[in-house]
Structures are given as C-alpha cells and as structure tokens.
Full PDB file with SEQRES, HELIX, SHEET, SSBOND, CRYST1, ORIGX, SCALE, CONECT and MASTER records, all heavy atoms in Angstrom:
SEQRES   1 A   42  VAL ILE GLY HIS LEU LEU THR VAL GLN LEU ILE ARG PRO          
SEQRES   2 A   42  ILE ASN LYS MET ALA GLU HIS LEU ASP HIS ILE ASP PRO          
SEQRES   3 A   42  MET GLU TYR ARG GLU LEU GLU PRO PHE ALA ASP LYS ILE          
SEQRES   4 A   42  ARG SER GLN                                                  
HELIX    1 AA1 ILE A    2  GLU A   19  1                                  18    
HELIX    2 AA2 GLU A   33  SER A   41  1                                   9    
CRYST1    1.000    1.000    1.000  90.00  90.00  90.00 P 1           1          
ORIGX1      1.000000  0.000000  0.000000        0.00000                         
ORIGX2      0.000000  1.000000  0.000000        0.00000                         
ORIGX3      0.000000  0.000000  1.000000        0.00000                         
SCALE1      1.000000  0.000000  0.000000        0.00000                         
SCALE2      0.000000  1.000000  0.000000        0.00000                         
SCALE3      0.000000  0.000000  1.000000        0.00000                         
ATOM      1  N   VAL A   1     -56.270  20.124  45.373  1.00  0.00           N  
ATOM      2  CA  VAL A   1     -55.600  21.149  46.180  1.00  0.00           C  
ATOM      3  C   VAL A   1     -56.082  21.082  47.633  1.00  0.00           C  
ATOM      4  O   VAL A   1     -55.281  21.069  48.579  1.00  0.00           O  
ATOM      5  CB  VAL A   1     -55.858  22.551  45.596  1.00  0.00           C  
ATOM      6  CG1 VAL A   1     -55.303  23.634  46.525  1.00  0.00           C  
ATOM      7  CG2 VAL A   1     -55.225  22.664  44.220  1.00  0.00           C  
ATOM      8  N   ILE A   2     -57.400  21.024  47.801  1.00  0.00           N  
ATOM      9  CA  ILE A   2     -57.960  20.963  49.160  1.00  0.00           C  
ATOM     10  C   ILE A   2     -57.531  19.670  49.848  1.00  0.00           C  
ATOM     11  O   ILE A   2     -57.206  19.658  51.043  1.00  0.00           O  
ATOM     12  CB  ILE A   2     -59.500  21.076  49.107  1.00  0.00           C  
ATOM     13  CG1 ILE A   2     -59.899  22.451  48.583  1.00  0.00           C  
ATOM     14  CG2 ILE A   2     -60.102  20.848  50.490  1.00  0.00           C  
ATOM     15  CD1 ILE A   2     -61.391  22.609  48.333  1.00  0.00           C  
ATOM     16  N   GLY A   3     -57.517  18.566  49.097  1.00  0.00           N  
ATOM     17  CA  GLY A   3     -57.092  17.295  49.671  1.00  0.00           C  
ATOM     18  C   GLY A   3     -55.642  17.341  50.131  1.00  0.00           C  
ATOM     19  O   GLY A   3     -55.300  16.789  51.186  1.00  0.00           O  
ATOM     20  N   HIS A   4     -54.799  18.000  49.345  1.00  0.00           N  
ATOM     21  CA  HIS A   4     -53.393  18.132  49.746  1.00  0.00           C  
ATOM     22  C   HIS A   4     -53.268  18.931  51.042  1.00  0.00           C  
ATOM     23  O   HIS A   4     -52.523  18.543  51.952  1.00  0.00           O  
ATOM     24  CB  HIS A   4     -52.608  18.805  48.626  1.00  0.00           C  
ATOM     25  CG  HIS A   4     -51.173  19.087  48.973  1.00  0.00           C  
ATOM     26  ND1 HIS A   4     -50.229  18.098  49.089  1.00  0.00           N  
ATOM     27  CD2 HIS A   4     -50.542  20.258  49.266  1.00  0.00           C  
ATOM     28  CE1 HIS A   4     -49.071  18.636  49.426  1.00  0.00           C  
ATOM     29  NE2 HIS A   4     -49.231  19.936  49.538  1.00  0.00           N  
ATOM     30  N   LEU A   5     -54.013  20.043  51.108  1.00  0.00           N  
ATOM     31  CA  LEU A   5     -53.958  20.866  52.324  1.00  0.00           C  
ATOM     32  C   LEU A   5     -54.481  20.089  53.532  1.00  0.00           C  
ATOM     33  O   LEU A   5     -53.912  20.164  54.630  1.00  0.00           O  
ATOM     34  CB  LEU A   5     -54.776  22.150  52.113  1.00  0.00           C  
ATOM     35  CG  LEU A   5     -54.252  23.107  51.029  1.00  0.00           C  
ATOM     36  CD1 LEU A   5     -55.199  24.278  50.861  1.00  0.00           C  
ATOM     37  CD2 LEU A   5     -52.852  23.601  51.384  1.00  0.00           C  
ATOM     38  N   LEU A   6     -55.567  19.351  53.337  1.00  0.00           N  
ATOM     39  CA  LEU A   6     -56.119  18.562  54.438  1.00  0.00           C  
ATOM     40  C   LEU A   6     -55.154  17.457  54.863  1.00  0.00           C  
ATOM     41  O   LEU A   6     -55.021  17.159  56.056  1.00  0.00           O  
ATOM     42  CB  LEU A   6     -57.461  17.949  54.018  1.00  0.00           C  
ATOM     43  CG  LEU A   6     -58.636  18.911  53.878  1.00  0.00           C  
ATOM     44  CD1 LEU A   6     -59.857  18.184  53.342  1.00  0.00           C  
ATOM     45  CD2 LEU A   6     -58.970  19.568  55.206  1.00  0.00           C  
ATOM     46  N   THR A   7     -54.487  16.861  53.882  1.00  0.00           N  
ATOM     47  CA  THR A   7     -53.534  15.800  54.202  1.00  0.00           C  
ATOM     48  C   THR A   7     -52.375  16.333  55.034  1.00  0.00           C  
ATOM     49  O   THR A   7     -51.961  15.717  56.022  1.00  0.00           O  
ATOM     50  CB  THR A   7     -52.994  15.167  52.907  1.00  0.00           C  
ATOM     51  OG1 THR A   7     -54.092  14.664  52.143  1.00  0.00           O  
ATOM     52  CG2 THR A   7     -52.050  14.024  53.224  1.00  0.00           C  
ATOM     53  N   VAL A   8     -51.861  17.504  54.620  1.00  0.00           N  
ATOM     54  CA  VAL A   8     -50.773  18.121  55.386  1.00  0.00           C  
ATOM     55  C   VAL A   8     -51.230  18.415  56.812  1.00  0.00           C  
ATOM     56  O   VAL A   8     -50.497  18.193  57.786  1.00  0.00           O  
ATOM     57  CB  VAL A   8     -50.300  19.415  54.686  1.00  0.00           C  
ATOM     58  CG1 VAL A   8     -49.317  20.178  55.575  1.00  0.00           C  
ATOM     59  CG2 VAL A   8     -49.647  19.079  53.355  1.00  0.00           C  
ATOM     60  N   GLN A   9     -52.456  18.911  56.927  1.00  0.00           N  
ATOM     61  CA  GLN A   9     -52.990  19.231  58.253  1.00  0.00           C  
ATOM     62  C   GLN A   9     -53.192  17.973  59.088  1.00  0.00           C  
ATOM     63  O   GLN A   9     -52.988  17.978  60.311  1.00  0.00           O  
ATOM     64  CB  GLN A   9     -54.314  19.981  58.095  1.00  0.00           C  
ATOM     65  CG  GLN A   9     -54.883  20.513  59.403  1.00  0.00           C  
ATOM     66  CD  GLN A   9     -56.139  21.328  59.182  1.00  0.00           C  
ATOM     67  OE1 GLN A   9     -56.621  21.443  58.066  1.00  0.00           O  
ATOM     68  NE2 GLN A   9     -56.664  21.893  60.243  1.00  0.00           N  
ATOM     69  N   LEU A  10     -53.581  16.871  58.457  1.00  0.00           N  
ATOM     70  CA  LEU A  10     -53.783  15.621  59.184  1.00  0.00           C  
ATOM     71  C   LEU A  10     -52.460  14.990  59.610  1.00  0.00           C  
ATOM     72  O   LEU A  10     -52.363  14.396  60.689  1.00  0.00           O  
ATOM     73  CB  LEU A  10     -54.563  14.624  58.310  1.00  0.00           C  
ATOM     74  CG  LEU A  10     -56.047  14.922  58.073  1.00  0.00           C  
ATOM     75  CD1 LEU A  10     -56.615  13.985  57.037  1.00  0.00           C  
ATOM     76  CD2 LEU A  10     -56.842  14.817  59.373  1.00  0.00           C  
ATOM     77  N   ILE A  11     -51.446  15.119  58.754  1.00  0.00           N  
ATOM     78  CA  ILE A  11     -50.162  14.482  59.037  1.00  0.00           C  
ATOM     79  C   ILE A  11     -49.353  15.264  60.055  1.00  0.00           C  
ATOM     80  O   ILE A  11     -48.574  14.684  60.822  1.00  0.00           O  
ATOM     81  CB  ILE A  11     -49.366  14.322  57.726  1.00  0.00           C  
ATOM     82  CG1 ILE A  11     -50.103  13.389  56.764  1.00  0.00           C  
ATOM     83  CG2 ILE A  11     -47.972  13.775  57.991  1.00  0.00           C  
ATOM     84  CD1 ILE A  11     -50.270  11.984  57.290  1.00  0.00           C  
ATOM     85  N   ARG A  12     -49.554  16.587  60.121  1.00  0.00           N  
ATOM     86  CA  ARG A  12     -48.741  17.428  61.000  1.00  0.00           C  
ATOM     87  C   ARG A  12     -48.769  16.960  62.461  1.00  0.00           C  
ATOM     88  O   ARG A  12     -47.707  16.866  63.104  1.00  0.00           O  
ATOM     89  CB  ARG A  12     -49.189  18.885  60.897  1.00  0.00           C  
ATOM     90  CG  ARG A  12     -48.259  19.840  61.682  1.00  0.00           C  
ATOM     91  CD  ARG A  12     -48.742  21.273  61.627  1.00  0.00           C  
ATOM     92  NE  ARG A  12     -48.723  21.762  60.259  1.00  0.00           N  
ATOM     93  CZ  ARG A  12     -49.801  22.117  59.575  1.00  0.00           C  
ATOM     94  NH1 ARG A  12     -51.005  22.005  60.135  1.00  0.00           N  
ATOM     95  NH2 ARG A  12     -49.704  22.571  58.348  1.00  0.00           N  
ATOM     96  N   PRO A  13     -49.935  16.663  63.063  1.00  0.00           N  
ATOM     97  CA  PRO A  13     -49.940  16.201  64.457  1.00  0.00           C  
ATOM     98  C   PRO A  13     -49.158  14.910  64.666  1.00  0.00           C  
ATOM     99  O   PRO A  13     -48.514  14.732  65.702  1.00  0.00           O  
ATOM    100  CB  PRO A  13     -51.434  15.989  64.759  1.00  0.00           C  
ATOM    101  CG  PRO A  13     -52.141  16.828  63.771  1.00  0.00           C  
ATOM    102  CD  PRO A  13     -51.304  16.816  62.548  1.00  0.00           C  
ATOM    103  N   ILE A  14     -49.199  14.017  63.664  1.00  0.00           N  
ATOM    104  CA  ILE A  14     -48.463  12.756  63.801  1.00  0.00           C  
ATOM    105  C   ILE A  14     -46.965  13.018  63.790  1.00  0.00           C  
ATOM    106  O   ILE A  14     -46.206  12.417  64.567  1.00  0.00           O  
ATOM    107  CB  ILE A  14     -48.869  11.782  62.678  1.00  0.00           C  
ATOM    108  CG1 ILE A  14     -50.370  11.481  62.761  1.00  0.00           C  
ATOM    109  CG2 ILE A  14     -48.065  10.499  62.741  1.00  0.00           C  
ATOM    110  CD1 ILE A  14     -50.890  10.584  61.661  1.00  0.00           C  
ATOM    111  N   ASN A  15     -46.521  13.922  62.908  1.00  0.00           N  
ATOM    112  CA  ASN A  15     -45.099  14.258  62.866  1.00  0.00           C  
ATOM    113  C   ASN A  15     -44.647  14.911  64.176  1.00  0.00           C  
ATOM    114  O   ASN A  15     -43.567  14.604  64.697  1.00  0.00           O  
ATOM    115  CB  ASN A  15     -44.815  15.193  61.696  1.00  0.00           C  
ATOM    116  CG  ASN A  15     -45.009  14.511  60.351  1.00  0.00           C  
ATOM    117  OD1 ASN A  15     -44.862  13.282  60.251  1.00  0.00           O  
ATOM    118  ND2 ASN A  15     -45.331  15.264  59.323  1.00  0.00           N  
ATOM    119  N   LYS A  16     -45.473  15.808  64.709  1.00  0.00           N  
ATOM    120  CA  LYS A  16     -45.130  16.444  65.986  1.00  0.00           C  
ATOM    121  C   LYS A  16     -45.114  15.419  67.108  1.00  0.00           C  
ATOM    122  O   LYS A  16     -44.263  15.477  67.999  1.00  0.00           O  
ATOM    123  CB  LYS A  16     -46.141  17.560  66.300  1.00  0.00           C  
ATOM    124  CG  LYS A  16     -45.984  18.789  65.428  1.00  0.00           C  
ATOM    125  CD  LYS A  16     -46.948  19.882  65.876  1.00  0.00           C  
ATOM    126  CE  LYS A  16     -46.774  21.150  65.041  1.00  0.00           C  
ATOM    127  NZ  LYS A  16     -47.709  22.220  65.475  1.00  0.00           N  
ATOM    128  N   MET A  17     -46.044  14.491  67.057  1.00  0.00           N  
ATOM    129  CA  MET A  17     -46.097  13.472  68.095  1.00  0.00           C  
ATOM    130  C   MET A  17     -44.848  12.592  68.051  1.00  0.00           C  
ATOM    131  O   MET A  17     -44.321  12.175  69.080  1.00  0.00           O  
ATOM    132  CB  MET A  17     -47.347  12.615  67.912  1.00  0.00           C  
ATOM    133  CG  MET A  17     -47.556  11.564  69.001  1.00  0.00           C  
ATOM    134  SD  MET A  17     -49.026  10.573  68.682  1.00  0.00           S  
ATOM    135  CE  MET A  17     -48.508   9.691  67.210  1.00  0.00           C  
ATOM    136  N   ALA A  18     -44.354  12.315  66.833  1.00  0.00           N  
ATOM    137  CA  ALA A  18     -43.152  11.500  66.704  1.00  0.00           C  
ATOM    138  C   ALA A  18     -41.930  12.218  67.278  1.00  0.00           C  
ATOM    139  O   ALA A  18     -41.022  11.586  67.822  1.00  0.00           O  
ATOM    140  CB  ALA A  18     -42.912  11.160  65.234  1.00  0.00           C  
ATOM    141  N   GLU A  19     -41.929  13.564  67.168  1.00  0.00           N  
ATOM    142  CA  GLU A  19     -40.795  14.336  67.675  1.00  0.00           C  
ATOM    143  C   GLU A  19     -40.893  14.572  69.169  1.00  0.00           C  
ATOM    144  O   GLU A  19     -39.861  14.675  69.853  1.00  0.00           O  
ATOM    145  CB  GLU A  19     -40.725  15.678  66.942  1.00  0.00           C  
ATOM    146  CG  GLU A  19     -40.450  15.527  65.440  1.00  0.00           C  
ATOM    147  CD  GLU A  19     -40.541  16.863  64.711  1.00  0.00           C  
ATOM    148  OE1 GLU A  19     -40.833  17.879  65.401  1.00  0.00           O  
ATOM    149  OE2 GLU A  19     -40.334  16.888  63.485  1.00  0.00           O  
ATOM    150  N   HIS A  20     -42.103  14.701  69.701  1.00  0.00           N  
ATOM    151  CA  HIS A  20     -42.298  15.017  71.122  1.00  0.00           C  
ATOM    152  C   HIS A  20     -43.323  14.054  71.718  1.00  0.00           C  
ATOM    153  O   HIS A  20     -44.424  14.451  72.097  1.00  0.00           O  
ATOM    154  CB  HIS A  20     -42.776  16.464  71.292  1.00  0.00           C  
ATOM    155  CG  HIS A  20     -41.899  17.460  70.579  1.00  0.00           C  
ATOM    156  ND1 HIS A  20     -40.671  17.825  71.043  1.00  0.00           N  
ATOM    157  CD2 HIS A  20     -42.095  18.141  69.428  1.00  0.00           C  
ATOM    158  CE1 HIS A  20     -40.131  18.718  70.210  1.00  0.00           C  
ATOM    159  NE2 HIS A  20     -40.975  18.915  69.220  1.00  0.00           N  
ATOM    160  N   LEU A  21     -42.957  12.789  71.776  1.00  0.00           N  
ATOM    161  CA  LEU A  21     -43.887  11.760  72.237  1.00  0.00           C  
ATOM    162  C   LEU A  21     -44.278  11.950  73.693  1.00  0.00           C  
ATOM    163  O   LEU A  21     -45.394  11.628  74.095  1.00  0.00           O  
ATOM    164  CB  LEU A  21     -43.252  10.378  72.048  1.00  0.00           C  
ATOM    165  CG  LEU A  21     -44.159   9.175  72.303  1.00  0.00           C  
ATOM    166  CD1 LEU A  21     -45.346   9.186  71.356  1.00  0.00           C  
ATOM    167  CD2 LEU A  21     -43.371   7.876  72.164  1.00  0.00           C  
ATOM    168  N   ASP A  22     -43.374  12.501  74.495  1.00  0.00           N  
ATOM    169  CA  ASP A  22     -43.645  12.663  75.924  1.00  0.00           C  
ATOM    170  C   ASP A  22     -44.270  14.005  76.266  1.00  0.00           C  
ATOM    171  O   ASP A  22     -44.515  14.300  77.432  1.00  0.00           O  
ATOM    172  CB  ASP A  22     -42.338  12.505  76.724  1.00  0.00           C  
ATOM    173  CG  ASP A  22     -41.761  11.106  76.580  1.00  0.00           C  
ATOM    174  OD1 ASP A  22     -42.572  10.175  76.415  1.00  0.00           O  
ATOM    175  OD2 ASP A  22     -40.526  10.959  76.617  1.00  0.00           O  
ATOM    176  N   HIS A  23     -44.514  14.846  75.263  1.00  0.00           N  
ATOM    177  CA  HIS A  23     -45.072  16.180  75.518  1.00  0.00           C  
ATOM    178  C   HIS A  23     -46.236  16.434  74.559  1.00  0.00           C  
ATOM    179  O   HIS A  23     -46.189  17.330  73.722  1.00  0.00           O  
ATOM    180  CB  HIS A  23     -43.997  17.267  75.348  1.00  0.00           C  
ATOM    181  CG  HIS A  23     -42.816  17.089  76.254  1.00  0.00           C  
ATOM    182  ND1 HIS A  23     -41.742  16.291  75.931  1.00  0.00           N  
ATOM    183  CD2 HIS A  23     -42.570  17.588  77.501  1.00  0.00           C  
ATOM    184  CE1 HIS A  23     -40.850  16.323  76.912  1.00  0.00           C  
ATOM    185  NE2 HIS A  23     -41.331  17.089  77.882  1.00  0.00           N  
ATOM    186  N   ILE A  24     -47.268  15.605  74.661  1.00  0.00           N  
ATOM    187  CA  ILE A  24     -48.436  15.731  73.787  1.00  0.00           C  
ATOM    188  C   ILE A  24     -49.542  16.465  74.522  1.00  0.00           C  
ATOM    189  O   ILE A  24     -49.907  16.097  75.644  1.00  0.00           O  
ATOM    190  CB  ILE A  24     -48.937  14.344  73.328  1.00  0.00           C  
ATOM    191  CG1 ILE A  24     -47.830  13.652  72.525  1.00  0.00           C  
ATOM    192  CG2 ILE A  24     -50.196  14.476  72.510  1.00  0.00           C  
ATOM    193  CD1 ILE A  24     -48.214  12.270  72.080  1.00  0.00           C  
ATOM    194  N   ASP A  25     -50.066  17.492  73.874  1.00  0.00           N  
ATOM    195  CA  ASP A  25     -51.188  18.233  74.439  1.00  0.00           C  
ATOM    196  C   ASP A  25     -52.465  17.429  74.214  1.00  0.00           C  
ATOM    197  O   ASP A  25     -52.904  17.266  73.070  1.00  0.00           O  
ATOM    198  CB  ASP A  25     -51.299  19.609  73.766  1.00  0.00           C  
ATOM    199  CG  ASP A  25     -52.383  20.468  74.410  1.00  0.00           C  
ATOM    200  OD1 ASP A  25     -53.048  19.972  75.341  1.00  0.00           O  
ATOM    201  OD2 ASP A  25     -52.554  21.620  73.998  1.00  0.00           O  
ATOM    202  N   PRO A  26     -53.092  16.905  75.263  1.00  0.00           N  
ATOM    203  CA  PRO A  26     -54.281  16.053  75.071  1.00  0.00           C  
ATOM    204  C   PRO A  26     -55.454  16.800  74.460  1.00  0.00           C  
ATOM    205  O   PRO A  26     -56.319  16.207  73.844  1.00  0.00           O  
ATOM    206  CB  PRO A  26     -54.599  15.550  76.489  1.00  0.00           C  
ATOM    207  CG  PRO A  26     -53.963  16.551  77.405  1.00  0.00           C  
ATOM    208  CD  PRO A  26     -52.745  17.053  76.688  1.00  0.00           C  
ATOM    209  N   MET A  27     -55.505  18.129  74.632  1.00  0.00           N  
ATOM    210  CA  MET A  27     -56.601  18.895  74.039  1.00  0.00           C  
ATOM    211  C   MET A  27     -56.401  19.058  72.530  1.00  0.00           C  
ATOM    212  O   MET A  27     -57.358  19.077  71.761  1.00  0.00           O  
ATOM    213  CB  MET A  27     -56.690  20.270  74.707  1.00  0.00           C  
ATOM    214  CG  MET A  27     -57.069  20.209  76.177  1.00  0.00           C  
ATOM    215  SD  MET A  27     -58.656  19.352  76.452  1.00  0.00           S  
ATOM    216  CE  MET A  27     -59.773  20.479  75.623  1.00  0.00           C  
ATOM    217  N   GLU A  28     -55.138  19.185  72.120  1.00  0.00           N  
ATOM    218  CA  GLU A  28     -54.850  19.391  70.697  1.00  0.00           C  
ATOM    219  C   GLU A  28     -54.882  18.080  69.920  1.00  0.00           C  
ATOM    220  O   GLU A  28     -55.286  18.036  68.765  1.00  0.00           O  
ATOM    221  CB  GLU A  28     -53.481  20.040  70.539  1.00  0.00           C  
ATOM    222  CG  GLU A  28     -53.121  20.384  69.089  1.00  0.00           C  
ATOM    223  CD  GLU A  28     -51.772  21.064  68.977  1.00  0.00           C  
ATOM    224  OE1 GLU A  28     -51.109  21.257  70.026  1.00  0.00           O  
ATOM    225  OE2 GLU A  28     -51.392  21.410  67.853  1.00  0.00           O  
ATOM    226  N   TYR A  29     -54.443  16.993  70.560  1.00  0.00           N  
ATOM    227  CA  TYR A  29     -54.356  15.706  69.888  1.00  0.00           C  
ATOM    228  C   TYR A  29     -55.222  14.672  70.606  1.00  0.00           C  
ATOM    229  O   TYR A  29     -54.767  13.566  70.915  1.00  0.00           O  
ATOM    230  CB  TYR A  29     -52.900  15.234  69.852  1.00  0.00           C  
ATOM    231  CG  TYR A  29     -51.950  16.239  69.263  1.00  0.00           C  
ATOM    232  CD1 TYR A  29     -50.965  16.834  70.046  1.00  0.00           C  
ATOM    233  CD2 TYR A  29     -52.044  16.605  67.930  1.00  0.00           C  
ATOM    234  CE1 TYR A  29     -50.088  17.761  69.508  1.00  0.00           C  
ATOM    235  CE2 TYR A  29     -51.180  17.528  67.378  1.00  0.00           C  
ATOM    236  CZ  TYR A  29     -50.203  18.110  68.172  1.00  0.00           C  
ATOM    237  OH  TYR A  29     -49.351  19.020  67.624  1.00  0.00           O  
ATOM    238  N   ARG A  30     -56.446  15.018  70.897  1.00  0.00           N  
ATOM    239  CA  ARG A  30     -57.319  14.124  71.661  1.00  0.00           C  
ATOM    240  C   ARG A  30     -57.532  12.800  70.934  1.00  0.00           C  
ATOM    241  O   ARG A  30     -57.509  11.735  71.550  1.00  0.00           O  
ATOM    242  CB  ARG A  30     -58.659  14.812  71.899  1.00  0.00           C  
ATOM    243  CG  ARG A  30     -59.625  13.999  72.734  1.00  0.00           C  
ATOM    244  CD  ARG A  30     -60.896  14.791  72.982  1.00  0.00           C  
ATOM    245  NE  ARG A  30     -60.609  16.066  73.652  1.00  0.00           N  
ATOM    246  CZ  ARG A  30     -61.524  17.025  73.828  1.00  0.00           C  
ATOM    247  NH1 ARG A  30     -62.747  16.858  73.375  1.00  0.00           N  
ATOM    248  NH2 ARG A  30     -61.190  18.141  74.439  1.00  0.00           N  
ATOM    249  N   GLU A  31     -57.732  12.838  69.611  1.00  0.00           N  
ATOM    250  CA  GLU A  31     -57.967  11.614  68.863  1.00  0.00           C  
ATOM    251  C   GLU A  31     -56.726  10.725  68.803  1.00  0.00           C  
ATOM    252  O   GLU A  31     -56.825   9.506  68.658  1.00  0.00           O  
ATOM    253  CB  GLU A  31     -58.424  11.941  67.428  1.00  0.00           C  
ATOM    254  CG  GLU A  31     -59.784  12.615  67.330  1.00  0.00           C  
ATOM    255  CD  GLU A  31     -59.705  14.112  67.598  1.00  0.00           C  
ATOM    256  OE1 GLU A  31     -58.569  14.598  67.812  1.00  0.00           O  
ATOM    257  OE2 GLU A  31     -60.755  14.778  67.602  1.00  0.00           O  
ATOM    258  N   LEU A  32     -55.542  11.352  68.919  1.00  0.00           N  
ATOM    259  CA  LEU A  32     -54.297  10.591  68.833  1.00  0.00           C  
ATOM    260  C   LEU A  32     -53.803  10.109  70.191  1.00  0.00           C  
ATOM    261  O   LEU A  32     -52.797   9.398  70.258  1.00  0.00           O  
ATOM    262  CB  LEU A  32     -53.208  11.448  68.177  1.00  0.00           C  
ATOM    263  CG  LEU A  32     -53.435  11.836  66.716  1.00  0.00           C  
ATOM    264  CD1 LEU A  32     -52.323  12.757  66.241  1.00  0.00           C  
ATOM    265  CD2 LEU A  32     -53.516  10.610  65.836  1.00  0.00           C  
ATOM    266  N   GLU A  33     -54.468  10.522  71.274  1.00  0.00           N  
ATOM    267  CA  GLU A  33     -53.997  10.169  72.606  1.00  0.00           C  
ATOM    268  C   GLU A  33     -53.930   8.653  72.824  1.00  0.00           C  
ATOM    269  O   GLU A  33     -52.922   8.143  73.345  1.00  0.00           O  
ATOM    270  CB  GLU A  33     -54.886  10.825  73.663  1.00  0.00           C  
ATOM    271  CG  GLU A  33     -54.378  10.660  75.089  1.00  0.00           C  
ATOM    272  CD  GLU A  33     -53.049  11.343  75.326  1.00  0.00           C  
ATOM    273  OE1 GLU A  33     -52.724  12.295  74.588  1.00  0.00           O  
ATOM    274  OE2 GLU A  33     -52.324  10.901  76.231  1.00  0.00           O  
ATOM    275  N   PRO A  34     -54.961   7.866  72.442  1.00  0.00           N  
ATOM    276  CA  PRO A  34     -54.848   6.399  72.602  1.00  0.00           C  
ATOM    277  C   PRO A  34     -53.677   5.824  71.806  1.00  0.00           C  
ATOM    278  O   PRO A  34     -52.975   4.923  72.268  1.00  0.00           O  
ATOM    279  CB  PRO A  34     -56.195   5.875  72.081  1.00  0.00           C  
ATOM    280  CG  PRO A  34     -57.126   7.026  72.206  1.00  0.00           C  
ATOM    281  CD  PRO A  34     -56.301   8.246  71.952  1.00  0.00           C  
ATOM    282  N   PHE A  35     -53.505   6.362  70.589  1.00  0.00           N  
ATOM    283  CA  PHE A  35     -52.389   5.912  69.758  1.00  0.00           C  
ATOM    284  C   PHE A  35     -51.058   6.247  70.416  1.00  0.00           C  
ATOM    285  O   PHE A  35     -50.128   5.420  70.438  1.00  0.00           O  
ATOM    286  CB  PHE A  35     -52.496   6.575  68.389  1.00  0.00           C  
ATOM    287  CG  PHE A  35     -51.387   6.232  67.438  1.00  0.00           C  
ATOM    288  CD1 PHE A  35     -51.152   4.926  67.070  1.00  0.00           C  
ATOM    289  CD2 PHE A  35     -50.577   7.225  66.917  1.00  0.00           C  
ATOM    290  CE1 PHE A  35     -50.128   4.609  66.197  1.00  0.00           C  
ATOM    291  CE2 PHE A  35     -49.549   6.914  66.048  1.00  0.00           C  
ATOM    292  CZ  PHE A  35     -49.334   5.598  65.677  1.00  0.00           C  
ATOM    293  N   ALA A  36     -50.950   7.458  70.965  1.00  0.00           N  
ATOM    294  CA  ALA A  36     -49.721   7.869  71.638  1.00  0.00           C  
ATOM    295  C   ALA A  36     -49.468   7.019  72.882  1.00  0.00           C  
ATOM    296  O   ALA A  36     -48.322   6.647  73.172  1.00  0.00           O  
ATOM    297  CB  ALA A  36     -49.802   9.349  72.012  1.00  0.00           C  
ATOM    298  N   ASP A  37     -50.537   6.710  73.631  1.00  0.00           N  
ATOM    299  CA  ASP A  37     -50.383   5.864  74.818  1.00  0.00           C  
ATOM    300  C   ASP A  37     -49.863   4.485  74.432  1.00  0.00           C  
ATOM    301  O   ASP A  37     -49.011   3.912  75.123  1.00  0.00           O  
ATOM    302  CB  ASP A  37     -51.726   5.723  75.541  1.00  0.00           C  
ATOM    303  CG  ASP A  37     -52.154   7.031  76.209  1.00  0.00           C  
ATOM    304  OD1 ASP A  37     -51.271   7.883  76.439  1.00  0.00           O  
ATOM    305  OD2 ASP A  37     -53.357   7.188  76.492  1.00  0.00           O  
ATOM    306  N   LYS A  38     -50.377   3.958  73.335  1.00  0.00           N  
ATOM    307  CA  LYS A  38     -49.926   2.647  72.874  1.00  0.00           C  
ATOM    308  C   LYS A  38     -48.452   2.690  72.493  1.00  0.00           C  
ATOM    309  O   LYS A  38     -47.674   1.782  72.843  1.00  0.00           O  
ATOM    310  CB  LYS A  38     -50.772   2.210  71.666  1.00  0.00           C  
ATOM    311  CG  LYS A  38     -50.478   0.804  71.179  1.00  0.00           C  
ATOM    312  CD  LYS A  38     -50.894  -0.234  72.181  1.00  0.00           C  
ATOM    313  CE  LYS A  38     -50.740  -1.636  71.628  1.00  0.00           C  
ATOM    314  NZ  LYS A  38     -51.110  -2.676  72.601  1.00  0.00           N  
ATOM    315  N   ILE A  39     -48.062   3.741  71.783  1.00  0.00           N  
ATOM    316  CA  ILE A  39     -46.656   3.868  71.376  1.00  0.00           C  
ATOM    317  C   ILE A  39     -45.762   4.038  72.593  1.00  0.00           C  
ATOM    318  O   ILE A  39     -44.681   3.441  72.676  1.00  0.00           O  
ATOM    319  CB  ILE A  39     -46.487   5.054  70.404  1.00  0.00           C  
ATOM    320  CG1 ILE A  39     -47.209   4.756  69.086  1.00  0.00           C  
ATOM    321  CG2 ILE A  39     -45.011   5.331  70.149  1.00  0.00           C  
ATOM    322  CD1 ILE A  39     -47.130   5.858  68.070  1.00  0.00           C  
ATOM    323  N   ARG A  40     -46.207   4.866  73.556  1.00  0.00           N  
ATOM    324  CA  ARG A  40     -45.418   5.071  74.768  1.00  0.00           C  
ATOM    325  C   ARG A  40     -45.243   3.743  75.521  1.00  0.00           C  
ATOM    326  O   ARG A  40     -44.164   3.436  76.024  1.00  0.00           O  
ATOM    327  CB  ARG A  40     -46.086   6.106  75.667  1.00  0.00           C  
ATOM    328  CG  ARG A  40     -45.710   7.546  75.326  1.00  0.00           C  
ATOM    329  CD  ARG A  40     -46.084   8.477  76.462  1.00  0.00           C  
ATOM    330  NE  ARG A  40     -47.523   8.554  76.636  1.00  0.00           N  
ATOM    331  CZ  ARG A  40     -48.288   9.526  76.147  1.00  0.00           C  
ATOM    332  NH1 ARG A  40     -47.739  10.507  75.456  1.00  0.00           N  
ATOM    333  NH2 ARG A  40     -49.581   9.533  76.331  1.00  0.00           N  
ATOM    334  N   SER A  41     -46.335   2.980  75.603  1.00  0.00           N  
ATOM    335  CA  SER A  41     -46.274   1.703  76.303  1.00  0.00           C  
ATOM    336  C   SER A  41     -45.284   0.752  75.622  1.00  0.00           C  
ATOM    337  O   SER A  41     -44.458   0.112  76.274  1.00  0.00           O  
ATOM    338  CB  SER A  41     -47.663   1.073  76.351  1.00  0.00           C  
ATOM    339  OG  SER A  41     -47.623  -0.209  76.911  1.00  0.00           O  
ATOM    340  N   GLN A  42     -45.386   0.686  74.291  1.00  0.00           N  
ATOM    341  CA  GLN A  42     -44.464  -0.181  73.557  1.00  0.00           C  
ATOM    342  C   GLN A  42     -43.033   0.324  73.661  1.00  0.00           C  
ATOM    343  O   GLN A  42     -42.088  -0.468  73.732  1.00  0.00           O  
ATOM    344  CB  GLN A  42     -44.896  -0.272  72.092  1.00  0.00           C  
ATOM    345  CG  GLN A  42     -46.219  -0.996  71.890  1.00  0.00           C  
ATOM    346  CD  GLN A  42     -46.628  -1.075  70.437  1.00  0.00           C  
ATOM    347  OE1 GLN A  42     -46.026  -0.421  69.584  1.00  0.00           O  
ATOM    348  NE2 GLN A  42     -47.663  -1.859  70.151  1.00  0.00           N  
TER     349      GLN A  42                                                      
MASTER        0    0    0    2    0    0    0    6  348    1    0    4          
END                                                                             
C-alpha cells in the first residue's frame, strides 16, 4: 500500500512535466530539472 502511494507520488511530477514542459517550477521539481532540460533541448 505504501509503495503504491509512493509510486503515485513519484510519477505525478513526471506526468505534470510531460503536460507542461515549458512551465516547470524548479523548486518543486529540482531533481527533474536536468531531465527536463534534456527533453527541452531534444
């Protein structure tokens, strides 16, 4: 149960990033910022 909740919480930022790639809050998604920069560049 806890793993499912954690998984949903981990996946949520990625889903939001996919929907709003150009409007990422660097404070909220600091760990994903390099990944987002790479995707934006590509």
